[in-house]
Protein backbone atom coordinates (compact mmCIF):
# COMPACT_ATOMS: atom_id res chain seq x y z
CA LEU A 1 -4.66 4.08 -25.68
CA THR A 2 -4.61 3.28 -29.40
CA ASN A 3 -5.96 0.11 -30.17
CA THR A 4 -3.21 -1.94 -33.13
CA SER A 5 -5.56 -3.05 -34.93
CA GLY A 6 -6.74 1.12 -35.63
CA ALA A 7 -10.39 -0.44 -34.46
CA MET A 8 -12.76 0.93 -31.32
CA PHE A 9 -12.81 -0.24 -28.43
CA HIS A 10 -15.58 -2.79 -27.37
CA LYS A 11 -17.15 -4.88 -24.04
CA PRO A 12 -18.71 -7.86 -23.63
CA LEU A 13 -22.60 -8.61 -22.59
CA ASP A 14 -22.97 -9.27 -18.90
CA TYR A 15 -23.30 -13.04 -18.49
CA ILE A 16 -27.47 -12.40 -18.80
CA GLY A 17 -27.22 -16.03 -17.78
CA ASN A 18 -27.23 -19.96 -19.51
CA LYS A 19 -30.46 -18.90 -21.92
CA SER A 20 -28.20 -16.22 -23.28
CA PHE A 21 -24.74 -17.64 -23.42
CA GLY A 22 -24.75 -21.06 -22.75
CA ASP A 23 -22.27 -22.58 -19.17
CA SER A 24 -19.49 -20.23 -18.34
CA SER A 25 -16.45 -21.75 -20.59
CA ALA A 26 -18.59 -20.44 -23.63
CA TYR A 27 -19.29 -16.77 -21.88
CA ALA A 28 -15.31 -17.66 -21.50
CA SER A 29 -14.79 -18.36 -24.76
CA TYR A 30 -17.46 -15.00 -25.49
CA ALA A 31 -15.33 -12.89 -23.78
CA GLY A 32 -12.18 -13.44 -24.66
CA GLN A 33 -13.27 -11.69 -27.82
CA PHE A 34 -13.08 -8.81 -26.21
CA ILE A 35 -8.93 -8.63 -25.47
CA TYR A 36 -7.51 -6.12 -27.24
CA GLU A 37 -4.07 -5.04 -27.78
CA PHE A 38 -3.52 -1.71 -27.31
CA ASN A 39 0.29 0.68 -28.03
CA LEU A 40 1.58 3.02 -24.93
CA ASP A 41 3.23 6.11 -26.15
CA GLY A 42 7.24 5.58 -25.62
CA CYS A 43 6.36 1.89 -25.02
CA ALA A 44 8.03 -0.72 -27.25
CA SER A 45 5.79 -3.39 -27.32
CA PRO A 46 1.85 -3.30 -26.96
CA GLY A 47 -0.29 -3.31 -23.68
CA LYS A 48 -3.40 -5.36 -23.14
CA VAL A 49 -6.42 -4.09 -21.66
CA PHE A 50 -10.04 -5.38 -21.26
CA VAL A 51 -13.81 -4.09 -19.80
CA GLY A 52 -16.15 -6.36 -19.23
CA GLN A 53 -17.92 -8.33 -16.41
CA ARG A 54 -15.90 -10.48 -13.62
CA LYS A 55 -16.64 -11.98 -10.70
CA ASP A 56 -15.90 -10.08 -8.09
CA PRO A 57 -12.07 -11.09 -6.38
CA PHE A 58 -11.84 -8.98 -3.13
CA VAL A 59 -13.35 -11.65 0.01
CA VAL A 60 -14.02 -10.10 2.69
CA ASN A 61 -16.50 -11.12 5.99
CA LEU A 62 -18.11 -7.26 5.13
CA GLY A 63 -21.22 -7.06 7.73
CA LYS A 64 -20.38 -9.17 10.90
CA THR A 65 -16.74 -6.91 10.15
CA PHE A 66 -19.28 -3.62 10.77
CA ASP A 67 -21.01 -5.00 13.02
CA LEU A 68 -18.91 -4.70 15.67
CA VAL A 69 -16.88 -7.66 14.48
CA ASN A 70 -19.38 -10.33 15.27
CA TYR A 71 -17.41 -12.96 15.20
CA VAL A 72 -13.91 -14.33 17.53
CA PRO A 73 -11.56 -12.48 14.20
CA VAL A 74 -8.35 -15.78 14.49
CA GLU A 75 -8.28 -18.56 12.92
CA GLY A 76 -10.49 -21.31 14.73
CA ASP A 77 -8.48 -24.44 12.98
CA SER A 78 -4.56 -25.51 12.86
CA ALA A 79 -3.88 -24.13 9.87
CA PRO A 80 -6.84 -22.23 7.45
CA GLY A 81 -8.73 -25.03 6.44
CA ALA A 82 -8.19 -27.30 9.04
CA GLY A 83 -11.13 -28.02 9.69
CA ASP A 84 -9.63 -29.25 13.24
CA GLN A 85 -10.73 -26.27 15.72
CA GLY A 86 -6.90 -26.90 16.84
CA GLY A 87 -6.69 -23.45 16.81
CA PHE A 88 -8.46 -20.33 19.20
CA PRO A 89 -11.50 -21.72 20.48
CA GLY A 90 -14.39 -20.68 19.09
CA GLY A 91 -12.37 -18.94 16.61
CA ILE A 92 -13.66 -18.56 13.41
CA THR A 93 -12.72 -21.12 10.35
CA GLN A 94 -11.99 -20.35 7.25
CA SER A 95 -15.46 -20.93 4.39
CA VAL A 96 -16.52 -19.05 1.48
CA ASP A 97 -20.35 -18.22 3.41
CA ASN A 98 -17.89 -15.95 4.66
CA ASP A 99 -17.81 -13.53 1.95
CA ASP A 100 -20.01 -11.58 1.46
CA LEU A 101 -19.05 -11.14 -2.33
CA MET A 102 -19.59 -14.71 -3.37
CA ASP A 103 -22.42 -14.22 -4.79
CA LYS A 104 -21.01 -10.99 -6.92
CA ASN A 105 -19.98 -9.68 -9.90
CA VAL A 106 -17.90 -6.32 -10.97
CA THR A 107 -17.19 -5.00 -14.49
CA ALA A 108 -13.57 -4.64 -14.12
CA ILE A 109 -10.83 -2.38 -16.24
CA SER A 110 -8.22 -4.55 -16.76
CA ILE A 111 -4.84 -3.80 -18.13
CA GLU A 112 -1.29 -5.12 -18.70
CA VAL A 113 1.73 -3.12 -19.79
CA PRO A 114 4.95 -4.56 -20.06
CA LYS A 115 6.64 -3.50 -16.65
CA SER A 116 10.31 -1.85 -18.50
CA CYS A 117 6.81 0.83 -19.68
CA LEU A 118 6.51 1.77 -15.88
CA THR A 119 9.83 2.78 -15.16
CA THR A 120 12.03 5.48 -15.85
CA GLN A 121 15.14 6.52 -13.59
CA GLY A 122 14.63 5.33 -9.63
CA ASN A 123 15.05 2.72 -8.72
CA GLY A 124 12.85 0.85 -10.53
CA THR A 125 9.62 0.77 -7.59
CA ILE A 126 6.45 2.54 -9.25
CA GLY A 127 3.59 3.93 -7.26
CA ALA A 128 0.31 3.92 -7.90
CA TRP A 129 -3.61 4.43 -7.27
CA THR A 130 -6.62 5.17 -8.54
CA THR A 131 -9.58 7.47 -7.95
CA ALA A 132 -12.70 7.99 -9.81
CA SER A 133 -14.46 11.67 -10.62
CA LEU A 134 -17.98 12.88 -11.33
CA PRO A 135 -18.99 16.25 -13.15
CA GLN A 136 -20.15 19.03 -10.34
CA ALA A 137 -23.83 19.35 -11.27
CA ARG A 138 -26.30 16.91 -12.79
CA ILE A 139 -29.32 17.59 -13.87
CA LEU A 140 -32.67 15.44 -14.64
CA ASN A 141 -34.47 15.70 -17.93
CA PRO A 142 -38.71 15.53 -16.80
CA ASN A 143 -39.63 14.34 -19.79
CA ALA A 144 -36.84 12.25 -20.88
CA LYS A 145 -35.83 10.10 -23.65
CA VAL A 146 -33.38 8.46 -25.08
CA GLY A 147 -30.44 9.24 -24.65
CA LYS A 148 -31.50 12.81 -23.14
CA THR A 149 -32.38 11.34 -19.34
CA GLU A 150 -29.80 13.55 -17.24
CA VAL A 151 -27.54 16.94 -18.72
CA ASN A 152 -24.60 16.49 -17.08
CA GLY A 153 -22.04 19.84 -16.41
CA GLY A 154 -19.00 21.18 -14.96
CA ALA A 155 -15.83 20.61 -13.83
CA LEU A 156 -14.84 17.22 -13.32
CA THR A 157 -14.75 16.75 -9.47
CA GLN A 158 -12.92 13.98 -7.29
CA VAL A 159 -15.14 11.75 -5.20
CA SER A 160 -12.88 8.77 -4.33
CA ARG A 161 -9.73 6.58 -4.22
CA LEU A 162 -7.97 4.20 -3.49
CA GLY A 163 -4.16 2.13 -2.93
CA ASN A 164 -4.13 0.31 -0.25
CA PRO A 165 -7.17 -1.83 0.88
CA LEU A 166 -9.92 -0.71 3.31
CA VAL A 167 -8.12 2.50 4.58
CA ASN A 168 -10.72 4.47 4.23
CA GLU A 169 -12.69 2.55 5.60
CA LEU A 170 -11.23 0.97 8.92
CA VAL A 171 -8.35 3.18 9.67
CA ILE A 172 -9.06 7.30 8.60
CA GLY A 173 -12.03 8.83 10.98
CA LEU A 174 -15.82 9.37 9.73
CA LYS A 175 -14.66 13.26 10.27
CA ASP A 176 -12.51 13.23 7.57
CA LYS A 177 -13.34 10.28 5.53
CA ASP A 178 -14.80 12.81 2.75
CA THR A 179 -11.51 14.50 3.14
CA PHE A 180 -9.62 12.22 2.18
CA SER A 181 -11.81 10.51 -0.89
CA THR A 182 -11.69 13.79 -2.04
CA SER A 183 -7.54 14.68 -1.92
CA HIS A 184 -4.58 13.45 -3.28
CA PRO A 185 -1.51 10.88 -2.25
CA LYS A 186 1.20 14.27 -1.47
CA ASP A 187 -1.00 15.74 1.12
CA ASP A 188 -1.27 12.91 3.14
CA THR A 189 0.52 13.59 6.20
CA GLN A 190 -2.56 15.96 7.20
CA PHE A 191 -3.90 12.44 7.93
CA ALA A 192 -1.15 11.28 9.74
CA ASP A 193 -2.36 10.96 13.21
CA TYR A 194 -5.13 8.09 12.24
CA VAL A 195 -2.13 5.79 11.13
CA THR A 196 0.82 6.50 14.07
CA HIS A 197 -2.63 6.39 16.04
CA PRO A 198 -4.97 3.78 14.93
CA SER A 199 -8.66 3.31 16.70
CA LEU A 200 -8.95 -0.03 15.71
CA PRO A 201 -7.23 -2.02 17.21
CA GLU A 202 -8.31 -0.45 20.46
CA LEU A 203 -11.29 -1.60 19.39
CA LEU A 204 -10.88 -5.06 19.19
CA ASN A 205 -8.80 -4.83 22.77
CA ILE A 206 -12.74 -3.25 24.25
CA LEU A 207 -14.26 -5.99 22.10
CA PHE A 208 -12.16 -9.00 22.53
CA LYS A 209 -9.78 -8.52 25.78
CA ASP A 210 -11.13 -9.40 29.11
CA ALA A 211 -12.69 -12.97 26.44
CA VAL A 212 -9.06 -13.89 25.12
CA ASN A 213 -8.23 -13.61 29.28
CA GLN A 214 -11.01 -16.12 30.39
CA THR A 215 -10.84 -17.96 27.04
CA LEU A 216 -7.14 -18.49 28.10
CA GLY A 217 -6.48 -17.63 32.16
CA THR A 218 -3.85 -15.70 30.69
CA ASN A 219 -4.25 -11.60 32.47
CA ILE A 220 -2.86 -9.73 28.71
CA GLU A 221 -3.17 -5.91 29.31
CA THR A 222 -3.71 -4.76 26.31
CA LEU A 223 -4.24 -6.67 23.07
CA ALA A 224 -3.54 -3.78 20.95
CA PRO A 225 0.49 -2.46 20.45
CA THR A 226 1.41 -0.03 22.21
CA ASN A 227 4.63 1.56 20.50
CA PHE A 228 2.83 5.00 20.27
CA PRO A 229 3.41 6.17 16.97
CA ARG A 230 2.41 3.45 15.24
CA THR A 231 6.08 3.73 12.66
CA ASP A 232 5.52 0.04 11.30
CA LEU A 233 2.17 0.94 10.12
CA VAL A 234 3.76 4.40 9.17
CA THR A 235 5.53 1.72 6.98
CA ALA A 236 3.28 -0.30 6.06
CA PHE A 237 0.89 2.35 4.44
CA LEU A 238 3.26 5.65 3.72
CA THR A 239 6.72 5.24 2.86
CA GLY A 240 6.90 1.34 1.95
CA PHE A 241 9.40 -0.78 3.29
CA ALA A 242 13.73 -1.03 2.08
CA GLY A 243 14.24 -3.76 -0.46
CA VAL A 244 11.10 -4.26 -0.84
CA ASN A 245 8.55 -1.80 -2.09
CA GLN A 246 10.41 2.06 -0.90
CA LEU A 247 10.72 3.92 -3.93
CA GLU A 248 13.77 5.93 -4.48
CA MET A 249 13.07 9.03 -3.11
CA VAL A 250 9.98 9.17 -0.15
CA THR A 251 6.94 11.14 0.39
CA PRO A 252 4.94 9.47 3.11
CA SER A 253 1.29 8.72 1.32
CA GLU A 254 -1.24 6.31 1.13
CA MET A 255 -0.84 4.12 -2.56
CA LEU A 256 -0.09 0.82 -3.21
CA ARG A 257 3.94 0.37 -4.51
CA LEU A 258 5.54 -2.34 -6.61
CA ASN A 259 9.11 -3.36 -7.48
CA THR A 260 9.67 -4.15 -10.92
CA GLY A 261 12.65 -5.58 -9.88
CA ILE A 262 11.34 -8.16 -8.38
CA PRO A 263 9.89 -11.54 -9.96
CA ALA A 264 6.41 -12.33 -10.56
CA LYS A 265 5.84 -15.82 -9.80
CA SER A 266 3.37 -18.33 -10.66
CA ARG A 267 0.39 -18.83 -9.23
CA ASP A 268 0.71 -22.04 -8.30
CA MET A 269 3.90 -20.85 -5.80
CA GLN A 270 2.42 -17.55 -4.30
CA SER A 271 1.45 -17.48 -1.08
CA ALA A 272 -1.82 -15.35 -0.24
CA PHE A 273 -0.40 -13.41 2.68
CA GLY A 274 2.68 -12.50 0.56
CA VAL A 275 5.77 -10.43 1.48
CA ALA A 276 4.71 -12.34 5.36
CA GLY A 277 4.21 -15.30 3.90
CA ASP A 278 8.06 -15.56 2.48
CA ASP A 279 6.97 -14.05 -1.20
CA LEU A 280 8.72 -10.64 -2.15
CA ALA A 281 5.87 -10.58 -5.06
CA GLY A 282 3.12 -9.85 -2.77
CA PHE A 283 1.36 -7.07 -0.75
CA PRO A 284 2.09 -5.13 0.33
CA ASN A 285 4.80 -5.09 -2.28
CA GLY A 286 1.68 -4.45 -5.21
CA ARG A 287 -0.62 -5.81 -5.18
CA ARG A 288 -2.61 -9.65 -6.63
CA PRO A 289 -6.27 -10.55 -7.02
CA GLY A 290 -5.02 -13.73 -5.04
CA ASP A 291 -3.70 -12.79 -1.68
CA ASP A 292 -6.17 -12.34 1.03
CA VAL A 293 -5.12 -8.73 1.82
CA VAL A 294 -7.69 -8.28 4.82
CA ASP A 295 -6.12 -10.97 6.84
CA ILE A 296 -2.38 -9.23 6.10
CA ALA A 297 -3.56 -5.81 7.10
CA LEU A 298 -5.66 -6.89 10.28
CA ARG A 299 -2.28 -8.57 11.32
CA VAL A 300 -0.37 -5.26 10.61
CA VAL A 301 -2.40 -3.06 12.23
CA MET A 302 -2.13 -6.04 15.39
CA GLY A 303 1.13 -5.69 15.48
CA ARG A 304 2.62 -8.31 13.49
CA LEU A 305 5.51 -6.08 12.32
CA CYS A 306 6.95 -5.76 15.68
CA TYR A 307 8.07 -9.67 14.77
CA PRO A 308 9.85 -11.44 12.89
CA ILE A 309 8.78 -12.16 9.57
CA PRO A 310 9.63 -15.09 7.29
CA VAL A 311 12.49 -13.23 4.29
CA ASN A 312 14.15 -15.82 2.10
CA GLY A 313 13.29 -19.09 4.26
CA THR A 314 15.02 -16.49 7.10
CA ASP A 315 12.98 -14.95 10.12
CA THR A 316 14.06 -11.47 9.83
CA ASP A 317 14.00 -8.85 13.01
CA LEU A 318 12.43 -5.33 10.67
CA GLY A 319 13.73 -3.48 13.52
CA ILE A 320 10.80 -1.38 12.96
CA CYS A 321 9.30 -2.75 16.90
CA THR A 322 9.35 -5.43 19.24
CA SER A 323 7.16 -8.29 20.53
CA ASP A 324 6.41 -6.49 23.37
CA ASP A 325 4.73 -3.65 21.54
CA ALA A 326 2.40 -5.95 20.08
CA SER A 327 1.01 -8.98 23.19
CA VAL A 328 -0.81 -10.10 20.16
CA GLY A 329 1.01 -9.71 17.22
CA ASN A 330 2.47 -13.16 16.16
CA VAL A 331 -1.57 -14.51 16.03
CA PRO A 332 -3.07 -15.15 12.95
CA PHE A 333 -5.73 -12.67 13.56
CA THR A 334 -8.86 -13.52 10.08
CA ASP A 335 -11.59 -12.47 9.15
CA GLY A 336 -12.40 -15.89 8.36
CA ALA A 337 -13.19 -15.40 4.21
CA PRO A 338 -10.16 -16.91 2.03
CA VAL A 339 -8.94 -16.66 -1.32
CA ASP A 340 -5.54 -17.43 -2.86
CA ALA A 341 -3.99 -17.41 -6.08
CA THR A 342 -6.13 -21.01 -7.44
CA MET A 343 -9.40 -18.72 -7.57
CA MET A 344 -7.66 -16.74 -10.12
CA MET A 345 -7.07 -17.49 -14.17
CA ASP A 346 -3.27 -17.72 -15.16
CA HIS A 347 -3.78 -15.08 -17.69
CA PHE A 348 -5.16 -12.32 -18.58
CA PRO A 349 -8.03 -10.96 -17.53
CA TYR A 350 -6.85 -13.49 -14.01
CA LEU A 351 -9.85 -12.23 -12.79
CA ALA A 352 -12.43 -15.27 -12.40
CA THR A 353 -15.30 -15.13 -15.40
CA PRO A 354 -17.88 -13.88 -13.97
CA LEU A 355 -21.45 -15.56 -12.33
CA SER A 356 -24.25 -16.77 -14.89
CA GLY A 357 -27.33 -13.98 -14.01
CA SER A 358 -29.72 -17.37 -14.35
CA LYS A 359 -29.07 -21.24 -14.24
């Protein structure tokens, strides 16, 4: 990247507290000075970049979810936030208190690039993922001084990767998590069995089937979808949806896919449920900060794609599986941690102003 002004890129100091920076609006004004334009080779228009502290945009009921789902993961209100307890009896209701990251900040690398500079040949759909790498070796200095605390050496080695959210945490099995972290999407067929025969739906079935049947007076044989292999999950995580976010040349691989030909929607017009909420500009067609990716992924894993989904105002059967394959596929599964586009900014870098370290 080349700064259009020829100067170095800098990042703002973190939001230490109100005594150091004033209130959040003062900090926002300060941090805004660190948005830079840059030139990208082969691109006629400049991009934007910002590196600095932001409010953590990811929203998840983390602790209770990993504690064998220590809540009833179905919406307890008739609609999210209705406050009427008109949904599933005892189901979890939306509250920021369910977000274990609500009081956390992160360091973000935000880049905005004209979409015309992202595509050449093909159908206008791109795939993307991120990786993190570290030098192979580190030696600590027993007589540390400023700038001389350690020596790092060896080739950079990939230690993590991320495309779709929660794949390594909830889809890939324990024995292969490290292998997944160091692998590349082109080699993802080695993990296909975790997608075609996932364990999470069966875990939810073991935990909740008896309680659901007792509460509803039903005799549901299994809450887990039964369409094996789970071709619906292959479509969602590995190949993309034809006409929505599928590349022209399909190689099954775990990554985010974005159809640049589908117009973006303004913040006030976005559905937090993306494609499942009749918003083709949202997840899994790309991933916007205000998309409720946890709820979407949970519903897809439990069979949502076996039921018609709204597309341009019309319920559309994807033809991947049927309602007979997913007894609770149309149930509003949720972790109870709400997120939507209004919680983000409507301008670059989009992620919300960080929280003050002290008042």
